[in-house]
Protein backbone atom coordinates (compact mmCIF):
# COMPACT_ATOMS: atom_id res chain seq x y z
CA MET A 1 0.00 0.00 0.00
CA ASP A 2 1.37 3.45 -0.95
CA GLY A 3 2.70 5.51 1.91
CA GLU A 4 2.69 2.63 4.35
CA GLU A 5 5.60 2.29 6.72
CA ASN A 6 6.27 0.07 9.70
CA GLU A 7 7.67 1.60 12.85
CA GLU A 8 9.08 -0.53 15.62
CA ASP A 9 9.69 0.78 19.09
CA GLY A 10 13.37 -0.24 19.14
CA ASP A 11 14.27 1.64 22.33
CA ASN A 12 11.88 -0.50 24.33
CA LYS A 13 12.80 -3.77 22.70
CA PRO A 14 12.98 -6.27 25.57
CA LEU A 15 15.52 -8.91 26.38
CA LEU A 16 15.03 -12.64 26.87
CA GLY A 17 11.50 -13.96 26.69
CA GLU A 18 9.76 -10.86 25.34
CA MET A 19 8.67 -9.57 21.97
CA TYR A 20 7.76 -6.03 21.03
CA VAL A 21 4.64 -4.33 19.64
CA SER A 22 4.47 -3.81 15.89
CA LYS A 23 2.76 -0.56 14.88
CA THR A 24 1.54 0.19 11.38
CA ARG A 25 0.93 3.78 10.26
CA ILE A 26 -0.55 5.21 7.06
CA LYS A 27 0.03 8.85 6.24
CA GLY A 28 0.91 9.69 9.81
CA HIS A 29 -2.13 8.01 11.37
CA ARG A 30 -1.95 4.81 13.33
CA LEU A 31 -4.06 2.20 11.58
CA ARG A 32 -3.29 -1.05 13.32
CA GLU A 33 -1.44 -2.23 16.38
CA THR A 34 -0.50 -5.88 16.62
CA LYS A 35 0.39 -6.97 20.11
CA CYS A 36 2.84 -9.83 20.37
CA PRO A 37 3.05 -12.02 23.50
CA THR A 38 5.18 -10.38 26.18
CA GLY A 39 6.56 -11.46 29.51
CA PHE A 40 8.18 -14.65 30.65
CA ASN A 41 5.83 -17.40 29.48
CA TRP A 42 6.14 -20.83 27.93
CA THR A 43 5.40 -19.65 24.38
CA ASN A 44 8.11 -17.00 24.40
CA LEU A 45 10.54 -19.31 26.17
CA LYS A 46 10.13 -21.94 23.43
CA ALA A 47 10.64 -19.27 20.78
CA GLU A 48 13.84 -18.01 22.40
CA LEU A 49 15.17 -21.54 22.89
CA ARG A 50 14.51 -22.19 19.20
CA ALA A 51 16.39 -19.00 18.30
CA ILE A 52 19.33 -20.05 20.49
CA TRP A 53 19.38 -23.48 18.87
CA GLU A 54 19.30 -22.03 15.34
CA CYS A 55 22.18 -19.69 16.17
CA ASN A 56 24.09 -22.74 17.38
CA VAL A 57 23.27 -24.69 14.19
CA LYS A 58 24.35 -21.76 12.03
CA ALA A 59 27.72 -21.58 13.80
CA TRP A 60 28.25 -25.33 13.29
CA LYS A 61 27.40 -25.10 9.59
CA ILE A 62 29.92 -22.32 9.08
CA GLU A 63 32.59 -24.14 11.07
CA LEU A 64 32.12 -27.55 9.42
CA ALA A 65 32.38 -25.91 6.02
CA TYR A 66 36.12 -25.67 6.78
CA PRO A 67 37.02 -29.19 8.03
CA ILE A 68 40.77 -28.62 8.28
CA SER A 69 40.25 -25.56 10.45
CA PHE A 70 37.74 -27.49 12.54
CA LEU A 71 40.20 -30.31 13.20
CA ARG A 72 42.94 -27.85 14.07
CA GLN A 73 40.69 -26.22 16.67
CA CYS A 74 39.78 -29.62 18.15
CA PHE A 75 43.45 -30.53 18.66
CA SER A 76 44.63 -27.07 19.70
CA PRO A 77 43.88 -27.61 23.45
CA LEU A 78 46.22 -30.62 23.45
CA ILE A 79 48.90 -28.81 21.47
CA MET A 80 48.80 -25.84 23.84
CA LEU A 81 48.86 -28.06 26.95
CA LEU A 82 51.92 -30.12 26.01
CA PRO A 83 54.49 -27.29 26.47
CA PHE A 84 53.20 -26.72 30.02
CA LEU A 85 53.55 -30.40 30.87
CA ILE A 86 56.93 -30.90 29.22
CA TYR A 87 58.34 -27.74 30.78
CA GLY A 88 57.11 -28.81 34.21
CA LEU A 89 58.49 -32.33 33.91
CA VAL A 90 61.90 -31.09 32.76
CA LEU A 91 62.06 -28.36 35.39
CA ILE A 92 61.42 -30.64 38.37
CA GLY A 93 63.17 -33.67 36.87
CA GLY A 94 60.19 -36.02 37.07
CA ARG A 95 56.46 -36.32 37.52
CA TYR A 96 56.28 -35.60 41.26
CA SER A 97 57.25 -32.38 42.97
CA GLU A 98 57.96 -32.17 46.71
CA ASN A 99 57.34 -28.43 46.72
CA LEU A 100 53.92 -28.87 45.11
CA GLU A 101 53.07 -31.56 47.65
CA GLN A 102 53.96 -29.24 50.52
CA LEU A 103 51.68 -26.55 49.09
CA VAL A 104 48.56 -28.54 48.13
CA GLY A 105 49.06 -32.04 49.56
CA THR A 106 49.80 -33.80 46.27
CA GLY A 107 52.91 -33.73 44.09
CA ASP A 108 51.47 -35.13 40.83
CA VAL A 109 52.40 -32.37 38.39
CA VAL A 110 50.73 -33.98 35.35
CA THR A 111 47.33 -34.41 36.99
CA PHE A 112 47.54 -30.99 38.65
CA ILE A 113 48.28 -29.15 35.41
CA PHE A 114 45.78 -31.16 33.36
CA THR A 115 42.88 -30.54 35.75
CA GLY A 116 43.68 -26.84 35.64
CA TYR A 117 44.36 -26.47 31.97
CA MET A 118 41.24 -28.31 30.81
CA ILE A 119 39.11 -25.31 31.85
CA MET A 120 41.38 -22.78 30.15
CA GLY A 121 39.54 -23.25 26.86
CA PHE A 122 36.21 -22.58 28.56
CA ILE A 123 37.54 -19.22 29.72
CA GLY A 124 38.06 -18.53 26.03
CA THR A 125 34.43 -19.54 25.47
CA ALA A 126 33.27 -16.65 27.64
CA VAL A 127 35.77 -14.03 26.48
CA TRP A 128 36.20 -14.76 22.79
CA ALA A 129 33.31 -16.90 21.50
CA MET A 130 30.50 -15.20 23.43
CA GLY A 131 32.20 -11.83 23.66
CA PHE A 132 32.71 -11.56 19.92
CA SER A 133 29.49 -13.23 18.75
CA ILE A 134 28.03 -9.82 17.88
CA ARG A 135 31.25 -8.67 16.27
CA ARG A 136 31.27 -11.79 14.08
CA GLU A 137 27.85 -10.86 12.74
CA GLN A 138 29.25 -7.46 11.82
CA TRP A 139 32.03 -9.18 9.90
CA PHE A 140 29.43 -11.24 8.03
CA GLY A 141 27.24 -8.18 7.41
CA THR A 142 24.19 -9.70 9.12
CA LEU A 143 24.05 -7.86 12.46
CA GLU A 144 21.39 -5.29 11.51
CA SER A 145 19.18 -7.98 9.97
CA ILE A 146 19.32 -10.05 13.14
CA PHE A 147 18.72 -7.09 15.43
CA VAL A 148 15.39 -6.15 13.74
CA THR A 149 13.93 -9.62 14.25
CA PRO A 150 11.36 -9.99 17.08
CA THR A 151 13.63 -11.97 19.34
CA SER A 152 16.06 -11.29 22.14
CA ARG A 153 19.50 -9.98 21.25
CA LEU A 154 20.84 -12.33 23.91
CA SER A 155 19.74 -15.34 21.84
CA LEU A 156 22.62 -14.63 19.45
CA VAL A 157 25.13 -14.57 22.31
CA LEU A 158 23.72 -17.66 24.03
CA GLY A 159 23.60 -19.58 20.75
CA MET A 160 27.31 -19.00 20.31
CA ALA A 161 27.84 -20.02 23.94
CA LEU A 162 26.12 -23.35 23.27
CA HIS A 163 28.18 -23.97 20.14
CA SER A 164 31.48 -23.02 21.74
CA THR A 165 30.82 -25.11 24.87
CA VAL A 166 30.18 -28.24 22.81
CA HIS A 167 33.16 -27.49 20.56
CA GLN A 168 35.49 -26.97 23.52
CA SER A 169 34.18 -30.16 25.14
CA LEU A 170 35.25 -32.12 22.04
CA GLY A 171 38.74 -30.64 22.29
CA THR A 172 38.88 -31.41 26.02
CA ALA A 173 37.87 -35.04 25.36
CA ILE A 174 40.72 -35.39 22.84
CA GLU A 175 43.06 -33.72 25.31
CA PHE A 176 42.02 -36.09 28.11
CA ALA A 177 42.43 -39.22 25.96
CA ALA A 178 45.90 -38.21 24.76
CA ILE A 179 47.24 -37.23 28.19
CA TYR A 180 45.80 -40.38 29.76
CA LEU A 181 47.44 -42.63 27.15
CA ILE A 182 50.81 -40.81 27.13
CA PHE A 183 51.33 -39.82 30.78
CA GLY A 184 48.53 -41.47 32.74
CA LEU A 185 46.21 -39.62 35.10
CA ALA A 186 45.60 -40.38 38.77
CA LEU A 187 41.98 -39.25 39.11
CA ASN A 188 39.47 -40.12 41.79
CA VAL A 189 36.58 -41.68 39.86
CA GLY A 190 34.17 -41.17 42.76
CA GLY A 191 34.68 -37.41 42.57
CA ILE A 192 33.67 -37.02 38.92
CA LEU A 193 30.00 -36.22 39.53
CA PRO A 194 30.54 -33.47 42.15
CA ALA A 195 33.37 -32.10 39.98
CA LEU A 196 30.95 -31.90 37.04
CA GLY A 197 28.47 -30.06 39.27
CA ILE A 198 31.16 -27.51 40.13
CA PHE A 199 32.04 -27.22 36.46
CA ALA A 200 28.41 -26.50 35.54
CA LEU A 201 28.17 -23.74 38.15
CA MET A 202 31.43 -22.26 36.87
CA MET A 203 30.12 -22.21 33.29
CA LEU A 204 26.96 -20.33 34.30
CA ALA A 205 29.06 -17.56 35.83
CA LEU A 206 31.32 -17.53 32.77
CA TYR A 207 28.24 -17.10 30.56
CA GLY A 208 27.36 -13.99 32.53
CA PHE A 209 30.91 -12.74 32.06
CA GLY A 210 30.65 -13.47 28.32
CA ILE A 211 27.44 -11.43 28.06
CA LEU A 212 29.32 -8.53 29.65
CA VAL A 213 32.16 -8.79 27.11
CA SER A 214 29.67 -8.97 24.23
CA ALA A 215 28.12 -5.72 25.48
CA LEU A 216 31.55 -4.07 25.36
CA SER A 217 31.96 -5.11 21.73
CA LEU A 218 28.79 -3.17 20.85
CA VAL A 219 30.44 0.06 22.00
CA LEU A 220 34.13 -0.55 21.36
CA LYS A 221 33.70 -2.45 18.05
CA GLU A 222 37.37 -3.50 17.97
CA GLY A 223 37.19 -4.55 21.58
CA TRP A 224 39.79 -7.29 21.36
CA ILE A 225 42.27 -5.23 23.40
CA VAL A 226 39.91 -5.06 26.38
CA ALA A 227 38.93 -8.71 25.90
CA GLU A 228 42.58 -9.75 25.84
CA GLY A 229 43.19 -7.80 29.03
CA LEU A 230 40.23 -9.41 30.82
CA HIS A 231 41.29 -12.85 29.58
CA SER A 232 44.85 -12.32 30.85
CA ILE A 233 43.66 -11.12 34.26
CA MET A 234 41.39 -14.13 34.67
CA MET A 235 44.18 -16.50 33.61
CA ILE A 236 46.62 -14.99 36.13
CA LEU A 237 44.08 -15.21 38.96
CA SER A 238 43.13 -18.79 38.08
CA PRO A 239 45.38 -21.56 39.52
CA VAL A 240 45.77 -23.34 36.18
CA ALA A 241 49.43 -24.37 36.29
CA TYR A 242 50.34 -23.23 39.82
CA PRO A 243 48.66 -23.28 43.25
CA LEU A 244 46.65 -20.27 44.27
CA VAL A 245 48.73 -19.85 47.44
CA VAL A 246 51.81 -18.73 45.46
CA LEU A 247 50.03 -15.51 44.44
CA PRO A 248 50.19 -12.38 46.63
CA THR A 249 47.45 -12.09 49.23
CA ILE A 250 45.65 -9.32 47.36
CA ALA A 251 45.63 -11.44 44.19
CA GLN A 252 44.23 -14.41 46.10
CA GLN A 253 41.44 -12.22 47.42
CA ALA A 254 40.73 -10.80 43.97
CA SER A 255 40.51 -14.31 42.49
CA ALA A 256 37.33 -14.91 44.51
CA VAL A 257 35.51 -12.49 42.18
CA PHE A 258 35.94 -14.81 39.19
CA PRO A 259 34.44 -18.32 39.09
CA THR A 260 37.50 -20.13 37.77
CA ALA A 261 39.63 -20.02 40.93
CA PRO A 262 37.10 -21.51 43.37
CA ALA A 263 35.91 -23.95 40.70
CA LEU A 264 39.43 -25.25 40.07
CA VAL A 265 40.09 -25.64 43.77
CA GLY A 266 36.82 -27.50 44.26
CA MET A 267 37.27 -29.77 41.24
CA ARG A 268 40.80 -30.72 42.29
CA ALA A 269 39.58 -31.45 45.81
CA PHE A 270 37.21 -34.08 44.38
CA LEU A 271 39.40 -35.40 41.56
CA MET A 272 42.85 -35.60 43.19
CA GLU A 273 43.76 -37.75 46.17
CA ASN A 274 45.17 -35.94 49.24
CA TYR A 275 44.57 -32.53 47.65
CA THR A 276 44.32 -29.78 50.26
CA PRO A 277 41.95 -26.98 49.14
CA GLU A 278 43.55 -23.56 49.10
CA VAL A 279 40.20 -21.84 49.61
CA ILE A 280 38.23 -22.21 52.84
CA GLY A 281 34.43 -22.24 52.61
CA ASN A 282 31.58 -23.84 50.69
CA ILE A 283 32.60 -23.90 47.03
CA PHE A 284 29.06 -24.60 45.82
CA LEU A 285 27.54 -21.61 47.64
CA HIS A 286 30.40 -19.41 46.49
CA LEU A 287 29.85 -20.37 42.85
CA LEU A 288 26.09 -20.04 43.15
CA ALA A 289 26.51 -16.49 44.42
CA LEU A 290 28.89 -15.72 41.54
CA ASP A 291 26.38 -17.19 39.06
CA ILE A 292 23.64 -14.85 40.23
CA ALA A 293 25.94 -11.82 40.37
CA TRP A 294 27.65 -12.27 36.98
CA ILE A 295 24.49 -13.22 35.07
CA LEU A 296 22.45 -10.30 36.42
CA PHE A 297 25.32 -7.85 35.99
CA GLY A 298 26.06 -9.06 32.44
CA ILE A 299 22.41 -8.80 31.34
CA PHE A 300 22.06 -5.38 32.98
CA VAL A 301 25.13 -3.95 31.22
CA PHE A 302 24.08 -5.56 27.91
CA HIS A 303 20.63 -3.98 28.15
CA LEU A 304 22.01 -0.51 28.92
CA THR A 305 24.62 -0.79 26.17
CA ASP A 306 22.03 -1.93 23.63
CA ILE A 307 19.84 1.12 24.37
CA TYR A 308 22.85 3.46 24.29
CA VAL A 309 24.12 2.20 20.92
CA ARG A 310 20.72 2.41 19.23
CA LYS A 311 20.01 5.89 20.58
CA ARG A 312 23.32 7.09 19.17
CA GLY A 313 22.64 5.31 15.88
CA SER A 314 26.07 3.66 15.96
CA LEU A 315 24.97 0.04 15.57
CA GLU A 316 25.90 -0.08 11.89
CA LYS A 317 29.30 1.55 12.42
CA TYR A 318 32.03 -0.95 11.77
């Protein structure tokens, strides 16, 4: 129809579980208003879960279109872990370290480093995969098209989180099999289930952190410098290849803000015999509190950033 134009109230576009009102105007007069379901209900939840799944499928299709690159990424966790292990074995002249045993109650360097390093890739999931999910759409030229669809902007970020978590899990499985066959791992089988529970709580907090980083990419565009800084800080404060007690007291206290340090301590306490936790307190309650804090803070910052960028009209700026 001549003169017809659709106007969407973009400033009030909601986040997860809501859809906005579509208004149709003809020659300056409102003709029709179509109300879409709003609020947190089963219908909207199914729609958002479908959107998250489709974003995940899209990422897999793009990745599997380059099989050599896909295989390289699957083996990269193992390739990056080996220098840590070899360096540690050469430095101490064997598999067991008396100094490490005095610090944490166990001297098995291989198992200690492996249990720490296997979560390093999941830190990358939060910082790089989730954090740059929006930036990737800008590279592909599809960001504006996705942002005008009646779905949550967070679905794009969470879809990439799902894809990256599964992808990193494949790499971790390859890493585990190789290290087990080459070096052997002394793991407590009975502690696997509680360790997986701790891992799940850690990932929820990391998802909140990833949402925060994705919000920064909306404003900074080339936000890799900030992302690299945040990734480095989290790696330093996480006891991946060294015990937490070797860090200065202020660094140990700061590590409690991120989920990786308490999660690693808790997982090692269940997976390694005679391991003495470096952190005192209930790990599960600590991680649960971090889950709530990081998820709410990440969504809050993402919402404010989304409104700010659209009001300035800088969404399309590369």
